[in-house]
Amino acid sequence: MEGTKPLMNRYGAKVKQATLLWLEGFREACCLHRVVILCLRSRKLLIRTGQCFLLNGFIFLGSIIVLNSVVVPMLHWILPDQCSQLSTQILCSFGGLKFHSTLRLGLIQLFYVFWFYPLYVFSIILSTLWYNDIAKFGFAAMGRSRPFGVEPSNPSMTSSAQNTAHAEGLVGLGGVMVGIAEQVYSVLLLNFFFLQVFATGFLPFVGKVLNFLLLSWMYAYYCFEYKWNFSGVALDRKLDYFESNWAFFAGFGSACVLTIFFFSPLVSYGVMAILFPLFVLTASSSKAEQDISLQRKKWRGAGLGRLPIFYAADTLS
């Protein structure tokens, strides 16, 4: 028993540290007042954010509300599904209710095929372009004139970080090819990670919990990636920093996922499409690096250790 006591104390300290970092990340994600400040500083940012709200909130989510509140009730009134609502009982005797149900379902599916799905694809493409603009305008509104990087998780990363910085400074065709290769690898990595997130949803018992946790990390990485890209941080340093501070980013991403986790897929997309640029701006204007460093100083430099979040996706990539 005496031998296990130090181990339990060490384990308890790690749990406490992880909890504090999670709460710090969650708090950072909820600092949405920073978005208002940035929008007041930049008219371009305000316009682009407003366009995002208009497309995904007013048009996309508005269409879902109109469908469920107006179109579907109207179809139920025109094509009733109860015999008592029919003007004549003849239709009820000859399968009229089944015909009404099939016709009503078909009309709703046509609404999805010719309106929702094209609008969904259009929204994804346009929003992706707008998110990059929003991050760029937000970064400019903060007055960041020169890039800043994340701190290496351990001293051995310093030399490799310097080499990376030197590589990033390359000009000409070689530098362009390295940049393109890194972007392609990043896209493949995140796509494989998305498949991993999707697959965990089908696991029994622990599937929902794992899905929530992986979704939290995925959205947190998406949000901070804009900041790191504009700061000139190399991919290997992004992954090392993210996996070394997994508790903080789990907390940040949890605030994102909680807003969509209990909605239907289409509604979840619409809500996240509205909120995602806000979280991107919150991540861009956050002082996550300073907050994490402060926590490490409180714990005398002791970290939680690197958690290989992207191991499976990295292997497949």
C-alpha atoms as a PDB file:
ATOM      1  CA  MET A   1       0.000   0.000   0.000  1.00  0.00           C
ATOM      2  CA  GLU A   2       2.859   2.378   0.842  1.00  0.00           C
ATOM      3  CA  GLY A   3       4.403   1.760  -2.564  1.00  0.00           C
ATOM      4  CA  THR A   4       1.228   2.625  -4.431  1.00  0.00           C
ATOM      5  CA  LYS A   5       0.636   5.899  -2.569  1.00  0.00           C
ATOM      6  CA  PRO A   6       3.189   7.969  -4.566  1.00  0.00           C
ATOM      7  CA  LEU A   7       1.756   6.510  -7.762  1.00  0.00           C
ATOM      8  CA  MET A   8      -1.775   7.487  -6.752  1.00  0.00           C
ATOM      9  CA  ASN A   9      -0.621  10.984  -5.807  1.00  0.00           C
ATOM     10  CA  ARG A  10       1.095  11.359  -9.166  1.00  0.00           C
ATOM     11  CA  TYR A  11      -2.003  10.086 -10.959  1.00  0.00           C
ATOM     12  CA  GLY A  12      -4.239  12.458  -8.996  1.00  0.00           C
ATOM     13  CA  ALA A  13      -1.964  15.389  -9.857  1.00  0.00           C
ATOM     14  CA  LYS A  14      -2.148  14.508 -13.564  1.00  0.00           C
ATOM     15  CA  VAL A  15      -5.945  14.292 -13.443  1.00  0.00           C
ATOM     16  CA  LYS A  16      -6.131  17.664 -11.709  1.00  0.00           C
ATOM     17  CA  GLN A  17      -3.783  19.224 -14.258  1.00  0.00           C
ATOM     18  CA  ALA A  18      -5.785  17.773 -17.166  1.00  0.00           C
ATOM     19  CA  THR A  19      -9.038  19.054 -15.654  1.00  0.00           C
ATOM     20  CA  LEU A  20      -7.647  22.563 -15.184  1.00  0.00           C
ATOM     21  CA  LEU A  21      -6.338  22.637 -18.755  1.00  0.00           C
ATOM     22  CA  TRP A  22      -9.686  21.350 -20.067  1.00  0.00           C
ATOM     23  CA  LEU A  23     -11.532  24.099 -18.193  1.00  0.00           C
ATOM     24  CA  GLU A  24      -9.063  26.694 -19.468  1.00  0.00           C
ATOM     25  CA  GLY A  25      -9.649  25.536 -23.043  1.00  0.00           C
ATOM     26  CA  PHE A  26     -13.422  25.586 -22.587  1.00  0.00           C
ATOM     27  CA  ARG A  27     -13.213  29.095 -21.129  1.00  0.00           C
ATOM     28  CA  GLU A  28     -11.108  30.300 -24.059  1.00  0.00           C
ATOM     29  CA  ALA A  29     -13.687  28.995 -26.534  1.00  0.00           C
ATOM     30  CA  CYS A  30     -16.482  30.840 -24.724  1.00  0.00           C
ATOM     31  CA  CYS A  31     -14.738  34.241 -24.923  1.00  0.00           C
ATOM     32  CA  LEU A  32     -16.947  35.293 -27.832  1.00  0.00           C
ATOM     33  CA  HIS A  33     -16.744  38.951 -26.827  1.00  0.00           C
ATOM     34  CA  ARG A  34     -13.422  38.993 -28.676  1.00  0.00           C
ATOM     35  CA  VAL A  35     -15.335  38.466 -31.915  1.00  0.00           C
ATOM     36  CA  VAL A  36     -17.301  41.676 -31.337  1.00  0.00           C
ATOM     37  CA  ILE A  37     -14.083  43.609 -30.703  1.00  0.00           C
ATOM     38  CA  LEU A  38     -12.454  42.278 -33.876  1.00  0.00           C
ATOM     39  CA  CYS A  39     -15.548  43.003 -35.994  1.00  0.00           C
ATOM     40  CA  LEU A  40     -15.581  46.583 -34.700  1.00  0.00           C
ATOM     41  CA  ARG A  41     -11.953  46.936 -35.772  1.00  0.00           C
ATOM     42  CA  SER A  42     -12.430  45.543 -39.289  1.00  0.00           C
ATOM     43  CA  ARG A  43     -15.308  46.370 -41.623  1.00  0.00           C
ATOM     44  CA  LYS A  44     -14.235  43.592 -44.010  1.00  0.00           C
ATOM     45  CA  LEU A  45     -14.418  41.078 -41.178  1.00  0.00           C
ATOM     46  CA  LEU A  46     -17.853  42.331 -40.150  1.00  0.00           C
ATOM     47  CA  ILE A  47     -19.183  42.044 -43.717  1.00  0.00           C
ATOM     48  CA  ARG A  48     -17.777  38.550 -44.286  1.00  0.00           C
ATOM     49  CA  THR A  49     -19.083  37.304 -40.930  1.00  0.00           C
ATOM     50  CA  GLY A  50     -22.489  38.821 -41.728  1.00  0.00           C
ATOM     51  CA  GLN A  51     -22.535  37.019 -45.087  1.00  0.00           C
ATOM     52  CA  CYS A  52     -21.824  33.761 -43.274  1.00  0.00           C
ATOM     53  CA  PHE A  53     -24.763  34.381 -40.933  1.00  0.00           C
ATOM     54  CA  LEU A  54     -27.012  35.298 -43.861  1.00  0.00           C
ATOM     55  CA  LEU A  55     -26.232  32.180 -45.911  1.00  0.00           C
ATOM     56  CA  ASN A  56     -26.085  29.561 -43.174  1.00  0.00           C
ATOM     57  CA  GLY A  57     -28.466  31.077 -40.649  1.00  0.00           C
ATOM     58  CA  PHE A  58     -31.150  32.960 -42.523  1.00  0.00           C
ATOM     59  CA  ILE A  59     -31.221  30.936 -45.763  1.00  0.00           C
ATOM     60  CA  PHE A  60     -30.109  27.408 -44.757  1.00  0.00           C
ATOM     61  CA  LEU A  61     -31.555  27.101 -41.247  1.00  0.00           C
ATOM     62  CA  GLY A  62     -34.470  29.322 -42.276  1.00  0.00           C
ATOM     63  CA  SER A  63     -35.320  26.839 -45.038  1.00  0.00           C
ATOM     64  CA  ILE A  64     -35.374  23.982 -42.522  1.00  0.00           C
ATOM     65  CA  ILE A  65     -37.699  25.976 -40.260  1.00  0.00           C
ATOM     66  CA  VAL A  66     -39.999  26.802 -43.202  1.00  0.00           C
ATOM     67  CA  LEU A  67     -40.059  23.134 -44.240  1.00  0.00           C
ATOM     68  CA  ASN A  68     -40.927  21.824 -40.774  1.00  0.00           C
ATOM     69  CA  SER A  69     -43.258  24.660 -39.738  1.00  0.00           C
ATOM     70  CA  VAL A  70     -45.046  25.508 -42.997  1.00  0.00           C
ATOM     71  CA  VAL A  71     -44.513  23.018 -45.832  1.00  0.00           C
ATOM     72  CA  VAL A  72     -44.929  19.751 -43.885  1.00  0.00           C
ATOM     73  CA  PRO A  73     -48.077  20.890 -41.966  1.00  0.00           C
ATOM     74  CA  MET A  74     -49.559  22.166 -45.245  1.00  0.00           C
ATOM     75  CA  LEU A  75     -48.915  18.824 -46.936  1.00  0.00           C
ATOM     76  CA  HIS A  76     -50.545  17.046 -43.983  1.00  0.00           C
ATOM     77  CA  TRP A  77     -53.564  19.321 -44.423  1.00  0.00           C
ATOM     78  CA  ILE A  78     -53.774  18.776 -48.208  1.00  0.00           C
ATOM     79  CA  LEU A  79     -52.889  15.067 -48.015  1.00  0.00           C
ATOM     80  CA  PRO A  80     -54.287  13.898 -44.639  1.00  0.00           C
ATOM     81  CA  ASP A  81     -53.224  10.602 -43.081  1.00  0.00           C
ATOM     82  CA  GLN A  82     -56.405   9.891 -41.088  1.00  0.00           C
ATOM     83  CA  CYS A  83     -59.772   8.720 -42.398  1.00  0.00           C
ATOM     84  CA  SER A  84     -61.637  11.262 -40.267  1.00  0.00           C
ATOM     85  CA  GLN A  85     -59.916  14.071 -42.165  1.00  0.00           C
ATOM     86  CA  LEU A  86     -60.998  12.821 -45.609  1.00  0.00           C
ATOM     87  CA  SER A  87     -64.045  14.344 -47.285  1.00  0.00           C
ATOM     88  CA  THR A  88     -65.179  10.909 -48.420  1.00  0.00           C
ATOM     89  CA  GLN A  89     -64.623   7.463 -46.945  1.00  0.00           C
ATOM     90  CA  ILE A  90     -64.204   5.933 -50.411  1.00  0.00           C
ATOM     91  CA  LEU A  91     -60.545   7.007 -50.548  1.00  0.00           C
ATOM     92  CA  CYS A  92     -60.019   5.473 -47.133  1.00  0.00           C
ATOM     93  CA  SER A  93     -61.386   2.144 -48.334  1.00  0.00           C
ATOM     94  CA  PHE A  94     -59.259   2.017 -51.495  1.00  0.00           C
ATOM     95  CA  GLY A  95     -55.866   2.798 -49.956  1.00  0.00           C
ATOM     96  CA  GLY A  96     -56.118   6.562 -50.205  1.00  0.00           C
ATOM     97  CA  LEU A  97     -54.185   7.067 -46.990  1.00  0.00           C
ATOM     98  CA  LYS A  98     -51.238   5.056 -48.297  1.00  0.00           C
ATOM     99  CA  PHE A  99     -51.283   7.051 -51.526  1.00  0.00           C
ATOM    100  CA  HIS A 100     -51.363  10.317 -49.564  1.00  0.00           C
ATOM    101  CA  SER A 101     -48.455   9.177 -47.393  1.00  0.00           C
ATOM    102  CA  THR A 102     -46.350   8.128 -50.399  1.00  0.00           C
ATOM    103  CA  LEU A 103     -47.104  11.338 -52.287  1.00  0.00           C
ATOM    104  CA  ARG A 104     -46.383  13.487 -49.254  1.00  0.00           C
ATOM    105  CA  LEU A 105     -43.062  11.731 -48.629  1.00  0.00           C
ATOM    106  CA  GLY A 106     -42.149  12.057 -52.301  1.00  0.00           C
ATOM    107  CA  LEU A 107     -42.829  15.808 -52.321  1.00  0.00           C
ATOM    108  CA  ILE A 108     -40.700  16.287 -49.206  1.00  0.00           C
ATOM    109  CA  GLN A 109     -37.866  14.303 -50.797  1.00  0.00           C
ATOM    110  CA  LEU A 110     -38.107  16.495 -53.902  1.00  0.00           C
ATOM    111  CA  PHE A 111     -37.722  19.506 -51.631  1.00  0.00           C
ATOM    112  CA  TYR A 112     -34.509  17.980 -50.266  1.00  0.00           C
ATOM    113  CA  VAL A 113     -33.143  16.941 -53.673  1.00  0.00           C
ATOM    114  CA  PHE A 114     -33.779  20.218 -55.496  1.00  0.00           C
ATOM    115  CA  TRP A 115     -33.220  22.657 -52.633  1.00  0.00           C
ATOM    116  CA  PHE A 116     -31.519  21.383 -49.468  1.00  0.00           C
ATOM    117  CA  TYR A 117     -28.775  19.208 -50.952  1.00  0.00           C
ATOM    118  CA  PRO A 118     -27.687  21.748 -53.618  1.00  0.00           C
ATOM    119  CA  LEU A 119     -27.825  24.486 -50.966  1.00  0.00           C
ATOM    120  CA  TYR A 120     -25.796  22.263 -48.625  1.00  0.00           C
ATOM    121  CA  VAL A 121     -23.040  21.746 -51.225  1.00  0.00           C
ATOM    122  CA  PHE A 122     -23.086  25.431 -52.197  1.00  0.00           C
ATOM    123  CA  SER A 123     -22.864  26.423 -48.532  1.00  0.00           C
ATOM    124  CA  ILE A 124     -19.887  24.123 -47.875  1.00  0.00           C
ATOM    125  CA  ILE A 125     -17.910  25.498 -50.826  1.00  0.00           C
ATOM    126  CA  LEU A 126     -18.689  29.155 -50.177  1.00  0.00           C
ATOM    127  CA  SER A 127     -18.304  28.897 -46.399  1.00  0.00           C
ATOM    128  CA  THR A 128     -14.884  27.254 -46.757  1.00  0.00           C
ATOM    129  CA  LEU A 129     -13.689  30.231 -48.794  1.00  0.00           C
ATOM    130  CA  TRP A 130     -15.273  32.680 -46.361  1.00  0.00           C
ATOM    131  CA  TYR A 131     -13.739  31.013 -43.298  1.00  0.00           C
ATOM    132  CA  ASN A 132     -10.271  31.636 -44.696  1.00  0.00           C
ATOM    133  CA  ASP A 133     -11.170  35.285 -45.351  1.00  0.00           C
ATOM    134  CA  ILE A 134     -12.602  35.641 -41.845  1.00  0.00           C
ATOM    135  CA  ALA A 135      -9.428  34.216 -40.284  1.00  0.00           C
ATOM    136  CA  LYS A 136      -7.265  36.483 -42.477  1.00  0.00           C
ATOM    137  CA  PHE A 137      -9.273  39.632 -41.686  1.00  0.00           C
ATOM    138  CA  GLY A 138      -9.370  38.714 -37.997  1.00  0.00           C
ATOM    139  CA  PHE A 139      -5.621  38.167 -37.960  1.00  0.00           C
ATOM    140  CA  ALA A 140      -5.108  41.572 -39.599  1.00  0.00           C
ATOM    141  CA  ALA A 141      -7.517  43.214 -37.128  1.00  0.00           C
ATOM    142  CA  MET A 142      -5.356  42.008 -34.248  1.00  0.00           C
ATOM    143  CA  GLY A 143      -2.421  43.920 -35.705  1.00  0.00           C
ATOM    144  CA  ARG A 144      -0.176  40.874 -35.981  1.00  0.00           C
ATOM    145  CA  SER A 145       2.622  42.203 -38.145  1.00  0.00           C
ATOM    146  CA  ARG A 146       4.950  39.248 -37.753  1.00  0.00           C
ATOM    147  CA  PRO A 147       4.378  35.522 -37.205  1.00  0.00           C
ATOM    148  CA  PHE A 148       4.557  33.930 -33.832  1.00  0.00           C
ATOM    149  CA  GLY A 149       4.893  30.236 -33.173  1.00  0.00           C
ATOM    150  CA  VAL A 150       3.940  27.649 -30.646  1.00  0.00           C
ATOM    151  CA  GLU A 151       6.425  26.615 -28.039  1.00  0.00           C
ATOM    152  CA  PRO A 152       8.057  23.214 -28.526  1.00  0.00           C
ATOM    153  CA  SER A 153       6.761  20.610 -26.092  1.00  0.00           C
ATOM    154  CA  ASN A 154      10.290  19.593 -25.136  1.00  0.00           C
ATOM    155  CA  PRO A 155      13.810  21.037 -25.512  1.00  0.00           C
ATOM    156  CA  SER A 156      14.736  18.534 -28.200  1.00  0.00           C
ATOM    157  CA  MET A 157      12.205  20.179 -30.480  1.00  0.00           C
ATOM    158  CA  THR A 158      14.152  23.465 -30.467  1.00  0.00           C
ATOM    159  CA  SER A 159      16.770  22.435 -33.008  1.00  0.00           C
ATOM    160  CA  SER A 160      14.185  20.820 -35.265  1.00  0.00           C
ATOM    161  CA  ALA A 161      12.023  23.923 -34.958  1.00  0.00           C
ATOM    162  CA  GLN A 162      14.964  26.047 -36.099  1.00  0.00           C
ATOM    163  CA  ASN A 163      15.493  23.752 -39.056  1.00  0.00           C
ATOM    164  CA  THR A 164      11.813  23.977 -39.860  1.00  0.00           C
ATOM    165  CA  ALA A 165      11.911  27.750 -39.672  1.00  0.00           C
ATOM    166  CA  HIS A 166      14.869  27.711 -42.050  1.00  0.00           C
ATOM    167  CA  ALA A 167      12.984  25.436 -44.429  1.00  0.00           C
ATOM    168  CA  GLU A 168       9.982  27.733 -44.310  1.00  0.00           C
ATOM    169  CA  GLY A 169      12.211  30.589 -45.343  1.00  0.00           C
ATOM    170  CA  LEU A 170      13.178  28.890 -48.599  1.00  0.00           C
ATOM    171  CA  VAL A 171      12.222  30.713 -51.741  1.00  0.00           C
ATOM    172  CA  GLY A 172      11.751  29.555 -55.276  1.00  0.00           C
ATOM    173  CA  LEU A 173      10.356  26.319 -56.639  1.00  0.00           C
ATOM    174  CA  GLY A 174      11.715  24.167 -53.803  1.00  0.00           C
ATOM    175  CA  GLY A 175       9.967  26.217 -51.133  1.00  0.00           C
ATOM    176  CA  VAL A 176       6.708  26.207 -53.087  1.00  0.00           C
ATOM    177  CA  MET A 177       6.827  22.421 -53.552  1.00  0.00           C
ATOM    178  CA  VAL A 178       7.490  21.871 -49.840  1.00  0.00           C
ATOM    179  CA  GLY A 179       4.532  24.103 -48.963  1.00  0.00           C
ATOM    180  CA  ILE A 180       2.214  22.298 -51.395  1.00  0.00           C
ATOM    181  CA  ALA A 181       3.323  18.868 -50.152  1.00  0.00           C
ATOM    182  CA  GLU A 182       2.692  19.914 -46.552  1.00  0.00           C
ATOM    183  CA  GLN A 183      -0.791  21.202 -47.388  1.00  0.00           C
ATOM    184  CA  VAL A 184      -1.686  18.009 -49.286  1.00  0.00           C
ATOM    185  CA  TYR A 185      -0.462  15.859 -46.399  1.00  0.00           C
ATOM    186  CA  SER A 186      -2.427  17.989 -43.928  1.00  0.00           C
ATOM    187  CA  VAL A 187      -5.618  17.532 -45.966  1.00  0.00           C
ATOM    188  CA  LEU A 188      -5.105  13.753 -46.157  1.00  0.00           C
ATOM    189  CA  LEU A 189      -4.370  13.575 -42.436  1.00  0.00           C
ATOM    190  CA  LEU A 190      -7.534  15.454 -41.479  1.00  0.00           C
ATOM    191  CA  ASN A 191      -9.682  13.465 -43.922  1.00  0.00           C
ATOM    192  CA  PHE A 192      -8.495  10.168 -42.461  1.00  0.00           C
ATOM    193  CA  PHE A 193      -9.044  11.552 -38.971  1.00  0.00           C
ATOM    194  CA  PHE A 194     -12.594  12.517 -39.972  1.00  0.00           C
ATOM    195  CA  LEU A 195     -13.209   8.921 -41.106  1.00  0.00           C
ATOM    196  CA  GLN A 196     -11.891   7.761 -37.730  1.00  0.00           C
ATOM    197  CA  VAL A 197     -14.315  10.118 -35.965  1.00  0.00           C
ATOM    198  CA  PHE A 198     -17.183   8.860 -38.131  1.00  0.00           C
ATOM    199  CA  ALA A 199     -16.338   5.195 -37.471  1.00  0.00           C
ATOM    200  CA  THR A 200     -16.265   5.600 -33.682  1.00  0.00           C
ATOM    201  CA  GLY A 201     -19.919   6.651 -33.749  1.00  0.00           C
ATOM    202  CA  PHE A 202     -20.876   3.052 -34.577  1.00  0.00           C
ATOM    203  CA  LEU A 203     -19.052   1.497 -31.625  1.00  0.00           C
ATOM    204  CA  PRO A 204     -21.364   0.100 -28.920  1.00  0.00           C
ATOM    205  CA  PHE A 205     -21.390   1.569 -25.407  1.00  0.00           C
ATOM    206  CA  VAL A 206     -18.327   3.851 -25.691  1.00  0.00           C
ATOM    207  CA  GLY A 207     -19.027   5.036 -29.240  1.00  0.00           C
ATOM    208  CA  LYS A 208     -20.826   8.247 -28.311  1.00  0.00           C
ATOM    209  CA  VAL A 209     -18.209   9.255 -25.757  1.00  0.00           C
ATOM    210  CA  LEU A 210     -15.300   8.592 -28.133  1.00  0.00           C
ATOM    211  CA  ASN A 211     -17.131  10.339 -30.944  1.00  0.00           C
ATOM    212  CA  PHE A 212     -17.662  13.425 -28.788  1.00  0.00           C
ATOM    213  CA  LEU A 213     -14.011  13.477 -27.685  1.00  0.00           C
ATOM    214  CA  LEU A 214     -12.596  13.030 -31.193  1.00  0.00           C
ATOM    215  CA  LEU A 215     -15.012  15.608 -32.595  1.00  0.00           C
ATOM    216  CA  SER A 216     -13.830  18.033 -29.924  1.00  0.00           C
ATOM    217  CA  TRP A 217     -10.207  17.570 -30.961  1.00  0.00           C
ATOM    218  CA  MET A 218     -11.091  17.796 -34.640  1.00  0.00           C
ATOM    219  CA  TYR A 219     -12.939  21.121 -34.325  1.00  0.00           C
ATOM    220  CA  ALA A 220     -10.270  22.524 -32.009  1.00  0.00           C
ATOM    221  CA  TYR A 221      -7.575  21.664 -34.546  1.00  0.00           C
ATOM    222  CA  TYR A 222      -9.601  23.203 -37.381  1.00  0.00           C
ATOM    223  CA  CYS A 223     -10.034  26.426 -35.384  1.00  0.00           C
ATOM    224  CA  PHE A 224      -6.393  26.803 -34.374  1.00  0.00           C
ATOM    225  CA  GLU A 225      -5.020  25.686 -37.743  1.00  0.00           C
ATOM    226  CA  TYR A 226      -6.008  29.026 -39.300  1.00  0.00           C
ATOM    227  CA  LYS A 227      -4.024  30.869 -36.643  1.00  0.00           C
ATOM    228  CA  TRP A 228      -1.001  28.602 -37.015  1.00  0.00           C
ATOM    229  CA  ASN A 229      -1.069  28.800 -40.818  1.00  0.00           C
ATOM    230  CA  PHE A 230      -1.044  32.602 -40.783  1.00  0.00           C
ATOM    231  CA  SER A 231       1.684  32.456 -38.130  1.00  0.00           C
ATOM    232  CA  GLY A 232       3.878  30.286 -40.346  1.00  0.00           C
ATOM    233  CA  VAL A 233       3.948  27.259 -38.030  1.00  0.00           C
ATOM    234  CA  ALA A 234       5.078  24.040 -39.707  1.00  0.00           C
ATOM    235  CA  LEU A 235       2.853  20.951 -39.689  1.00  0.00           C
ATOM    236  CA  ASP A 236       5.105  18.832 -37.454  1.00  0.00           C
ATOM    237  CA  ARG A 237       5.165  21.577 -34.820  1.00  0.00           C
ATOM    238  CA  LYS A 238       1.364  21.949 -35.004  1.00  0.00           C
ATOM    239  CA  LEU A 239       0.832  18.246 -34.385  1.00  0.00           C
ATOM    240  CA  ASP A 240       3.432  18.064 -31.613  1.00  0.00           C
ATOM    241  CA  TYR A 241       1.981  21.070 -29.799  1.00  0.00           C
ATOM    242  CA  PHE A 242      -1.608  19.871 -30.228  1.00  0.00           C
ATOM    243  CA  GLU A 243      -0.931  16.332 -29.019  1.00  0.00           C
ATOM    244  CA  SER A 244       1.218  17.588 -26.131  1.00  0.00           C
ATOM    245  CA  ASN A 245      -1.602  19.839 -24.886  1.00  0.00           C
ATOM    246  CA  TRP A 246      -4.499  17.527 -25.654  1.00  0.00           C
ATOM    247  CA  ALA A 247      -6.488  18.415 -22.514  1.00  0.00           C
ATOM    248  CA  PHE A 248      -6.622  22.132 -23.362  1.00  0.00           C
ATOM    249  CA  PHE A 249      -7.749  21.489 -26.938  1.00  0.00           C
ATOM    250  CA  ALA A 250     -10.307  18.902 -25.801  1.00  0.00           C
ATOM    251  CA  GLY A 251     -11.856  21.619 -23.635  1.00  0.00           C
ATOM    252  CA  PHE A 252     -11.828  24.165 -26.449  1.00  0.00           C
ATOM    253  CA  GLY A 253     -13.401  21.732 -28.911  1.00  0.00           C
ATOM    254  CA  SER A 254     -16.038  20.606 -26.404  1.00  0.00           C
ATOM    255  CA  ALA A 255     -17.602  24.063 -26.513  1.00  0.00           C
ATOM    256  CA  CYS A 256     -17.927  23.681 -30.291  1.00  0.00           C
ATOM    257  CA  VAL A 257     -19.371  20.166 -30.219  1.00  0.00           C
ATOM    258  CA  LEU A 258     -21.879  20.842 -27.425  1.00  0.00           C
ATOM    259  CA  THR A 259     -23.681  23.297 -29.722  1.00  0.00           C
ATOM    260  CA  ILE A 260     -24.398  20.638 -32.373  1.00  0.00           C
ATOM    261  CA  PHE A 261     -24.197  17.211 -30.716  1.00  0.00           C
ATOM    262  CA  PHE A 262     -27.928  16.792 -30.081  1.00  0.00           C
ATOM    263  CA  PHE A 263     -29.304  18.085 -33.409  1.00  0.00           C
ATOM    264  CA  SER A 264     -30.074  16.289 -36.657  1.00  0.00           C
ATOM    265  CA  PRO A 265     -27.219  16.256 -39.225  1.00  0.00           C
ATOM    266  CA  LEU A 266     -28.585  19.090 -41.394  1.00  0.00           C
ATOM    267  CA  VAL A 267     -29.448  21.314 -38.435  1.00  0.00           C
ATOM    268  CA  SER A 268     -26.063  20.526 -36.850  1.00  0.00           C
ATOM    269  CA  TYR A 269     -24.315  21.619 -40.022  1.00  0.00           C
ATOM    270  CA  GLY A 270     -26.290  24.868 -40.177  1.00  0.00           C
ATOM    271  CA  VAL A 271     -25.595  25.714 -36.534  1.00  0.00           C
ATOM    272  CA  MET A 272     -21.887  24.885 -36.802  1.00  0.00           C
ATOM    273  CA  ALA A 273     -21.580  26.810 -40.077  1.00  0.00           C
ATOM    274  CA  ILE A 274     -22.743  29.898 -38.160  1.00  0.00           C
ATOM    275  CA  LEU A 275     -20.664  29.335 -35.024  1.00  0.00           C
ATOM    276  CA  PHE A 276     -17.475  27.979 -36.588  1.00  0.00           C
ATOM    277  CA  PRO A 277     -16.140  31.365 -37.785  1.00  0.00           C
ATOM    278  CA  LEU A 278     -16.774  32.732 -34.291  1.00  0.00           C
ATOM    279  CA  PHE A 279     -14.676  29.943 -32.765  1.00  0.00           C
ATOM    280  CA  VAL A 280     -11.983  30.516 -35.413  1.00  0.00           C
ATOM    281  CA  LEU A 281     -11.792  34.174 -34.381  1.00  0.00           C
ATOM    282  CA  THR A 282     -11.801  33.201 -30.708  1.00  0.00           C
ATOM    283  CA  ALA A 283      -8.913  30.796 -31.329  1.00  0.00           C
ATOM    284  CA  SER A 284      -7.029  33.377 -33.399  1.00  0.00           C
ATOM    285  CA  SER A 285      -7.328  36.038 -30.707  1.00  0.00           C
ATOM    286  CA  SER A 286      -6.736  33.694 -27.780  1.00  0.00           C
ATOM    287  CA  LYS A 287      -3.557  33.552 -25.736  1.00  0.00           C
ATOM    288  CA  ALA A 288      -3.557  29.780 -25.583  1.00  0.00           C
ATOM    289  CA  GLU A 289       0.231  29.523 -25.691  1.00  0.00           C
ATOM    290  CA  GLN A 290       0.612  31.877 -22.722  1.00  0.00           C
ATOM    291  CA  ASP A 291      -2.175  30.167 -20.759  1.00  0.00           C
ATOM    292  CA  ILE A 292      -0.654  26.727 -21.289  1.00  0.00           C
ATOM    293  CA  SER A 293       2.820  27.984 -20.371  1.00  0.00           C
ATOM    294  CA  LEU A 294       1.399  29.542 -17.211  1.00  0.00           C
ATOM    295  CA  GLN A 295      -0.196  26.243 -16.230  1.00  0.00           C
ATOM    296  CA  ARG A 296       3.115  24.456 -16.810  1.00  0.00           C
ATOM    297  CA  LYS A 297       4.915  26.938 -14.584  1.00  0.00           C
ATOM    298  CA  LYS A 298       2.379  26.280 -11.842  1.00  0.00           C
ATOM    299  CA  TRP A 299       3.120  22.575 -12.191  1.00  0.00           C
ATOM    300  CA  ARG A 300       6.873  23.228 -12.314  1.00  0.00           C
ATOM    301  CA  GLY A 301       7.161  22.449 -16.004  1.00  0.00           C
ATOM    302  CA  ALA A 302       5.570  19.006 -15.720  1.00  0.00           C
ATOM    303  CA  GLY A 303       3.390  18.218 -18.705  1.00  0.00           C
ATOM    304  CA  LEU A 304       0.727  15.596 -19.263  1.00  0.00           C
ATOM    305  CA  GLY A 305       2.740  13.869 -21.947  1.00  0.00           C
ATOM    306  CA  ARG A 306       2.034  13.622 -25.638  1.00  0.00           C
ATOM    307  CA  LEU A 307      -1.149  11.766 -26.589  1.00  0.00           C
ATOM    308  CA  PRO A 308      -0.953  10.304 -30.142  1.00  0.00           C
ATOM    309  CA  ILE A 309      -4.346  11.621 -31.265  1.00  0.00           C
ATOM    310  CA  PHE A 310      -3.468  11.543 -34.962  1.00  0.00           C
ATOM    311  CA  TYR A 311      -1.510   8.266 -34.873  1.00  0.00           C
ATOM    312  CA  ALA A 312      -4.039   6.214 -36.870  1.00  0.00           C
ATOM    313  CA  ALA A 313      -4.682   9.020 -39.372  1.00  0.00           C
ATOM    314  CA  ASP A 314      -0.934   9.660 -39.696  1.00  0.00           C
ATOM    315  CA  THR A 315      -0.275   5.974 -40.359  1.00  0.00           C
ATOM    316  CA  LEU A 316      -2.967   5.815 -43.046  1.00  0.00           C
ATOM    317  CA  SER A 317      -1.699   9.024 -44.632  1.00  0.00           C
END
